[in-house]
Amino acid sequence: MSLISVHVPKKMLEELDELVRRGIFPNRSEAIRAALRDLLYKEVFKAKPAREEEKEEELPISLVKGR
């Protein structure tokens, strides 16, 4: 995987941390990856957002981690 840096408003980061605290995501990185997957599905593939239960292996090859 590649590492990127992103500037995020404090309120957004607090909300992201709340999702992690509630156990919806294991950490910030997983939450951001899920959001990015949904954005790419919506904007690039014009499909519905990925469901939580979908596995990364089911994504198009260009979106699979590390590729």
PDB file of N, CA and C in Angstrom:
ATOM      1  N   MET A   1       0.836  -1.181   0.000  1.00  0.00           N
ATOM      2  CA  MET A   1       0.000   0.000   0.000  1.00  0.00           C
ATOM      3  C   MET A   1       0.877   1.239   0.000  1.00  0.00           C
ATOM      4  N   SER A   2       0.314   2.296  -0.488  1.00  0.00           N
ATOM      5  CA  SER A   2       1.008   3.583  -0.499  1.00  0.00           C
ATOM      6  C   SER A   2       0.518   4.437   0.662  1.00  0.00           C
ATOM      7  N   LEU A   3       1.388   5.285   1.143  1.00  0.00           N
ATOM      8  CA  LEU A   3       1.061   6.203   2.227  1.00  0.00           C
ATOM      9  C   LEU A   3       0.798   7.574   1.631  1.00  0.00           C
ATOM     10  N   ILE A   4      -0.324   8.207   2.040  1.00  0.00           N
ATOM     11  CA  ILE A   4      -0.628   9.567   1.610  1.00  0.00           C
ATOM     12  C   ILE A   4      -0.908  10.410   2.842  1.00  0.00           C
ATOM     13  N   SER A   5      -0.736  11.707   2.699  1.00  0.00           N
ATOM     14  CA  SER A   5      -1.064  12.644   3.770  1.00  0.00           C
ATOM     15  C   SER A   5      -2.243  13.480   3.319  1.00  0.00           C
ATOM     16  N   VAL A   6      -3.170  13.703   4.242  1.00  0.00           N
ATOM     17  CA  VAL A   6      -4.370  14.462   3.922  1.00  0.00           C
ATOM     18  C   VAL A   6      -4.647  15.413   5.072  1.00  0.00           C
ATOM     19  N   HIS A   7      -4.954  16.658   4.745  1.00  0.00           N
ATOM     20  CA  HIS A   7      -5.371  17.623   5.757  1.00  0.00           C
ATOM     21  C   HIS A   7      -6.878  17.488   5.924  1.00  0.00           C
ATOM     22  N   VAL A   8      -7.318  17.300   7.169  1.00  0.00           N
ATOM     23  CA  VAL A   8      -8.733  17.081   7.461  1.00  0.00           C
ATOM     24  C   VAL A   8      -9.166  18.073   8.535  1.00  0.00           C
ATOM     25  N   PRO A   9     -10.320  18.712   8.343  1.00  0.00           N
ATOM     26  CA  PRO A   9     -10.813  19.609   9.383  1.00  0.00           C
ATOM     27  C   PRO A   9     -10.998  18.870  10.712  1.00  0.00           C
ATOM     28  N   LYS A  10     -10.766  19.563  11.799  1.00  0.00           N
ATOM     29  CA  LYS A  10     -10.821  18.958  13.123  1.00  0.00           C
ATOM     30  C   LYS A  10     -12.150  18.248  13.376  1.00  0.00           C
ATOM     31  N   LYS A  11     -13.263  18.862  13.016  1.00  0.00           N
ATOM     32  CA  LYS A  11     -14.582  18.259  13.248  1.00  0.00           C
ATOM     33  C   LYS A  11     -14.728  16.938  12.496  1.00  0.00           C
ATOM     34  N   MET A  12     -14.238  16.887  11.265  1.00  0.00           N
ATOM     35  CA  MET A  12     -14.311  15.642  10.500  1.00  0.00           C
ATOM     36  C   MET A  12     -13.483  14.554  11.167  1.00  0.00           C
ATOM     37  N   LEU A  13     -12.320  14.907  11.662  1.00  0.00           N
ATOM     38  CA  LEU A  13     -11.460  13.937  12.336  1.00  0.00           C
ATOM     39  C   LEU A  13     -12.123  13.434  13.617  1.00  0.00           C
ATOM     40  N   GLU A  14     -12.777  14.321  14.336  1.00  0.00           N
ATOM     41  CA  GLU A  14     -13.495  13.907  15.549  1.00  0.00           C
ATOM     42  C   GLU A  14     -14.607  12.911  15.203  1.00  0.00           C
ATOM     43  N   GLU A  15     -15.336  13.176  14.127  1.00  0.00           N
ATOM     44  CA  GLU A  15     -16.406  12.269  13.700  1.00  0.00           C
ATOM     45  C   GLU A  15     -15.825  10.932  13.239  1.00  0.00           C
ATOM     46  N   LEU A  16     -14.711  10.973  12.537  1.00  0.00           N
ATOM     47  CA  LEU A  16     -14.038   9.751  12.104  1.00  0.00           C
ATOM     48  C   LEU A  16     -13.607   8.931  13.307  1.00  0.00           C
ATOM     49  N   ASP A  17     -13.016   9.592  14.284  1.00  0.00           N
ATOM     50  CA  ASP A  17     -12.589   8.896  15.499  1.00  0.00           C
ATOM     51  C   ASP A  17     -13.772   8.301  16.258  1.00  0.00           C
ATOM     52  N   GLU A  18     -14.922   8.944  16.185  1.00  0.00           N
ATOM     53  CA  GLU A  18     -16.125   8.414  16.836  1.00  0.00           C
ATOM     54  C   GLU A  18     -16.554   7.111  16.171  1.00  0.00           C
ATOM     55  N   LEU A  19     -16.458   7.027  14.853  1.00  0.00           N
ATOM     56  CA  LEU A  19     -16.778   5.781  14.146  1.00  0.00           C
ATOM     57  C   LEU A  19     -15.841   4.657  14.593  1.00  0.00           C
ATOM     58  N   VAL A  20     -14.583   4.991  14.783  1.00  0.00           N
ATOM     59  CA  VAL A  20     -13.607   4.007  15.259  1.00  0.00           C
ATOM     60  C   VAL A  20     -13.927   3.627  16.701  1.00  0.00           C
ATOM     61  N   ARG A  21     -14.228   4.604  17.546  1.00  0.00           N
ATOM     62  CA  ARG A  21     -14.535   4.340  18.946  1.00  0.00           C
ATOM     63  C   ARG A  21     -15.753   3.425  19.089  1.00  0.00           C
ATOM     64  N   ARG A  22     -16.750   3.619  18.213  1.00  0.00           N
ATOM     65  CA  ARG A  22     -17.963   2.801  18.249  1.00  0.00           C
ATOM     66  C   ARG A  22     -17.763   1.425  17.627  1.00  0.00           C
ATOM     67  N   GLY A  23     -16.586   1.172  17.068  1.00  0.00           N
ATOM     68  CA  GLY A  23     -16.288  -0.137  16.502  1.00  0.00           C
ATOM     69  C   GLY A  23     -16.807  -0.344  15.094  1.00  0.00           C
ATOM     70  N   ILE A  24     -17.251   0.722  14.450  1.00  0.00           N
ATOM     71  CA  ILE A  24     -17.738   0.605  13.073  1.00  0.00           C
ATOM     72  C   ILE A  24     -16.566   0.317  12.142  1.00  0.00           C
ATOM     73  N   PHE A  25     -15.415   0.901  12.441  1.00  0.00           N
ATOM     74  CA  PHE A  25     -14.173   0.640  11.719  1.00  0.00           C
ATOM     75  C   PHE A  25     -13.085   0.340  12.752  1.00  0.00           C
ATOM     76  N   PRO A  26     -12.117  -0.508  12.398  1.00  0.00           N
ATOM     77  CA  PRO A  26     -11.059  -0.833  13.361  1.00  0.00           C
ATOM     78  C   PRO A  26     -10.075   0.318  13.580  1.00  0.00           C
ATOM     79  N   ASN A  27      -9.951   1.194  12.589  1.00  0.00           N
ATOM     80  CA  ASN A  27      -9.015   2.311  12.710  1.00  0.00           C
ATOM     81  C   ASN A  27      -9.337   3.367  11.654  1.00  0.00           C
ATOM     82  N   ARG A  28      -8.658   4.488  11.739  1.00  0.00           N
ATOM     83  CA  ARG A  28      -8.887   5.590  10.786  1.00  0.00           C
ATOM     84  C   ARG A  28      -8.612   5.161   9.347  1.00  0.00           C
ATOM     85  N   SER A  29      -7.530   4.440   9.154  1.00  0.00           N
ATOM     86  CA  SER A  29      -7.140   4.048   7.797  1.00  0.00           C
ATOM     87  C   SER A  29      -8.225   3.221   7.112  1.00  0.00           C
ATOM     88  N   GLU A  30      -8.792   2.266   7.845  1.00  0.00           N
ATOM     89  CA  GLU A  30      -9.846   1.436   7.250  1.00  0.00           C
ATOM     90  C   GLU A  30     -11.076   2.267   6.912  1.00  0.00           C
ATOM     91  N   ALA A  31     -11.416   3.215   7.762  1.00  0.00           N
ATOM     92  CA  ALA A  31     -12.562   4.081   7.498  1.00  0.00           C
ATOM     93  C   ALA A  31     -12.331   4.925   6.248  1.00  0.00           C
ATOM     94  N   ILE A  32     -11.138   5.462   6.117  1.00  0.00           N
ATOM     95  CA  ILE A  32     -10.815   6.294   4.952  1.00  0.00           C
ATOM     96  C   ILE A  32     -10.765   5.451   3.688  1.00  0.00           C
ATOM     97  N   ARG A  33     -10.225   4.235   3.761  1.00  0.00           N
ATOM     98  CA  ARG A  33     -10.219   3.348   2.590  1.00  0.00           C
ATOM     99  C   ARG A  33     -11.645   3.029   2.148  1.00  0.00           C
ATOM    100  N   ALA A  34     -12.544   2.778   3.105  1.00  0.00           N
ATOM    101  CA  ALA A  34     -13.947   2.489   2.768  1.00  0.00           C
ATOM    102  C   ALA A  34     -14.583   3.691   2.071  1.00  0.00           C
ATOM    103  N   ALA A  35     -14.317   4.876   2.584  1.00  0.00           N
ATOM    104  CA  ALA A  35     -14.877   6.084   1.975  1.00  0.00           C
ATOM    105  C   ALA A  35     -14.328   6.287   0.562  1.00  0.00           C
ATOM    106  N   LEU A  36     -13.047   6.029   0.393  1.00  0.00           N
ATOM    107  CA  LEU A  36     -12.428   6.173  -0.925  1.00  0.00           C
ATOM    108  C   LEU A  36     -12.990   5.150  -1.909  1.00  0.00           C
ATOM    109  N   ARG A  37     -13.176   3.906  -1.457  1.00  0.00           N
ATOM    110  CA  ARG A  37     -13.793   2.884  -2.315  1.00  0.00           C
ATOM    111  C   ARG A  37     -15.171   3.332  -2.768  1.00  0.00           C
ATOM    112  N   ASP A  38     -15.981   3.832  -1.822  1.00  0.00           N
ATOM    113  CA  ASP A  38     -17.330   4.284  -2.171  1.00  0.00           C
ATOM    114  C   ASP A  38     -17.286   5.430  -3.175  1.00  0.00           C
ATOM    115  N   LEU A  39     -16.374   6.367  -2.977  1.00  0.00           N
ATOM    116  CA  LEU A  39     -16.235   7.487  -3.910  1.00  0.00           C
ATOM    117  C   LEU A  39     -15.860   6.990  -5.300  1.00  0.00           C
ATOM    118  N   LEU A  40     -14.905   6.073  -5.376  1.00  0.00           N
ATOM    119  CA  LEU A  40     -14.475   5.564  -6.673  1.00  0.00           C
ATOM    120  C   LEU A  40     -15.589   4.786  -7.362  1.00  0.00           C
ATOM    121  N   TYR A  41     -16.328   3.989  -6.608  1.00  0.00           N
ATOM    122  CA  TYR A  41     -17.471   3.301  -7.204  1.00  0.00           C
ATOM    123  C   TYR A  41     -18.455   4.303  -7.772  1.00  0.00           C
ATOM    124  N   LYS A  42     -18.740   5.346  -7.006  1.00  0.00           N
ATOM    125  CA  LYS A  42     -19.728   6.338  -7.430  1.00  0.00           C
ATOM    126  C   LYS A  42     -19.249   7.139  -8.640  1.00  0.00           C
ATOM    127  N   GLU A  43     -18.042   7.626  -8.599  1.00  0.00           N
ATOM    128  CA  GLU A  43     -17.542   8.537  -9.630  1.00  0.00           C
ATOM    129  C   GLU A  43     -16.905   7.851 -10.828  1.00  0.00           C
ATOM    130  N   VAL A  44     -16.251   6.737 -10.610  1.00  0.00           N
ATOM    131  CA  VAL A  44     -15.539   6.074 -11.701  1.00  0.00           C
ATOM    132  C   VAL A  44     -16.379   4.968 -12.319  1.00  0.00           C
ATOM    133  N   PHE A  45     -16.982   4.165 -11.496  1.00  0.00           N
ATOM    134  CA  PHE A  45     -17.689   3.002 -12.006  1.00  0.00           C
ATOM    135  C   PHE A  45     -19.199   3.206 -12.053  1.00  0.00           C
ATOM    136  N   LYS A  46     -19.674   4.355 -11.554  1.00  0.00           N
ATOM    137  CA  LYS A  46     -21.099   4.697 -11.587  1.00  0.00           C
ATOM    138  C   LYS A  46     -21.970   3.580 -11.018  1.00  0.00           C
ATOM    139  N   ALA A  47     -21.471   2.944  -9.977  1.00  0.00           N
ATOM    140  CA  ALA A  47     -22.203   1.866  -9.322  1.00  0.00           C
ATOM    141  C   ALA A  47     -22.577   2.295  -7.910  1.00  0.00           C
ATOM    142  N   LYS A  48     -23.342   1.474  -7.252  1.00  0.00           N
ATOM    143  CA  LYS A  48     -23.705   1.744  -5.872  1.00  0.00           C
ATOM    144  C   LYS A  48     -22.469   1.608  -4.993  1.00  0.00           C
ATOM    145  N   PRO A  49     -22.435   2.323  -3.851  1.00  0.00           N
ATOM    146  CA  PRO A  49     -21.293   2.198  -2.934  1.00  0.00           C
ATOM    147  C   PRO A  49     -21.100   0.747  -2.493  1.00  0.00           C
ATOM    148  N   ALA A  50     -19.852   0.401  -2.248  1.00  0.00           N
ATOM    149  CA  ALA A  50     -19.532  -0.948  -1.797  1.00  0.00           C
ATOM    150  C   ALA A  50     -20.176  -1.199  -0.443  1.00  0.00           C
ATOM    151  N   ARG A  51     -20.803  -2.364  -0.296  1.00  0.00           N
ATOM    152  CA  ARG A  51     -21.381  -2.729   0.991  1.00  0.00           C
ATOM    153  C   ARG A  51     -20.267  -3.159   1.932  1.00  0.00           C
ATOM    154  N   GLU A  52     -20.497  -2.991   3.221  1.00  0.00           N
ATOM    155  CA  GLU A  52     -19.489  -3.314   4.225  1.00  0.00           C
ATOM    156  C   GLU A  52     -19.028  -4.759   4.128  1.00  0.00           C
ATOM    157  N   GLU A  53     -19.955  -5.673   3.786  1.00  0.00           N
ATOM    158  CA  GLU A  53     -19.594  -7.080   3.754  1.00  0.00           C
ATOM    159  C   GLU A  53     -18.822  -7.492   2.502  1.00  0.00           C
ATOM    160  N   GLU A  54     -18.711  -6.620   1.495  1.00  0.00           N
ATOM    161  CA  GLU A  54     -17.955  -6.959   0.299  1.00  0.00           C
ATOM    162  C   GLU A  54     -16.471  -7.026   0.638  1.00  0.00           C
ATOM    163  N   LYS A  55     -15.795  -7.945   0.029  1.00  0.00           N
ATOM    164  CA  LYS A  55     -14.367  -8.102   0.243  1.00  0.00           C
ATOM    165  C   LYS A  55     -13.611  -7.348  -0.835  1.00  0.00           C
ATOM    166  N   GLU A  56     -12.401  -6.888  -0.501  1.00  0.00           N
ATOM    167  CA  GLU A  56     -11.590  -6.155  -1.470  1.00  0.00           C
ATOM    168  C   GLU A  56     -11.294  -7.000  -2.699  1.00  0.00           C
ATOM    169  N   GLU A  57     -11.234  -8.328  -2.544  1.00  0.00           N
ATOM    170  CA  GLU A  57     -10.943  -9.185  -3.685  1.00  0.00           C
ATOM    171  C   GLU A  57     -12.030  -9.103  -4.746  1.00  0.00           C
ATOM    172  N   GLU A  58     -13.212  -8.662  -4.384  1.00  0.00           N
ATOM    173  CA  GLU A  58     -14.310  -8.564  -5.333  1.00  0.00           C
ATOM    174  C   GLU A  58     -14.275  -7.256  -6.120  1.00  0.00           C
ATOM    175  N   LEU A  59     -13.397  -6.339  -5.742  1.00  0.00           N
ATOM    176  CA  LEU A  59     -13.312  -5.056  -6.421  1.00  0.00           C
ATOM    177  C   LEU A  59     -12.567  -5.196  -7.728  1.00  0.00           C
ATOM    178  N   PRO A  60     -12.784  -4.266  -8.657  1.00  0.00           N
ATOM    179  CA  PRO A  60     -11.993  -4.282  -9.890  1.00  0.00           C
ATOM    180  C   PRO A  60     -10.501  -4.249  -9.569  1.00  0.00           C
ATOM    181  N   ILE A  61      -9.717  -4.878 -10.354  1.00  0.00           N
ATOM    182  CA  ILE A  61      -8.285  -5.059 -10.072  1.00  0.00           C
ATOM    183  C   ILE A  61      -7.562  -3.742  -9.774  1.00  0.00           C
ATOM    184  N   SER A  62      -7.957  -2.643 -10.406  1.00  0.00           N
ATOM    185  CA  SER A  62      -7.272  -1.385 -10.179  1.00  0.00           C
ATOM    186  C   SER A  62      -7.520  -0.829  -8.787  1.00  0.00           C
ATOM    187  N   LEU A  63      -8.512  -1.368  -8.062  1.00  0.00           N
ATOM    188  CA  LEU A  63      -8.801  -0.879  -6.721  1.00  0.00           C
ATOM    189  C   LEU A  63      -8.328  -1.811  -5.632  1.00  0.00           C
ATOM    190  N   VAL A  64      -7.806  -2.952  -5.979  1.00  0.00           N
ATOM    191  CA  VAL A  64      -7.351  -3.906  -4.972  1.00  0.00           C
ATOM    192  C   VAL A  64      -6.074  -3.375  -4.345  1.00  0.00           C
ATOM    193  N   LYS A  65      -5.978  -3.505  -3.031  1.00  0.00           N
ATOM    194  CA  LYS A  65      -4.839  -2.947  -2.319  1.00  0.00           C
ATOM    195  C   LYS A  65      -3.514  -3.404  -2.907  1.00  0.00           C
ATOM    196  N   GLY A  66      -2.585  -2.471  -2.962  1.00  0.00           N
ATOM    197  CA  GLY A  66      -1.251  -2.778  -3.433  1.00  0.00           C
ATOM    198  C   GLY A  66      -1.102  -2.875  -4.942  1.00  0.00           C
ATOM    199  N   ARG A  67      -2.146  -2.560  -5.691  1.00  0.00           N
ATOM    200  CA  ARG A  67      -2.046  -2.639  -7.152  1.00  0.00           C
ATOM    201  C   ARG A  67      -2.433  -1.365  -7.804  1.00  0.00           C
TER     202      ARG A  67
END
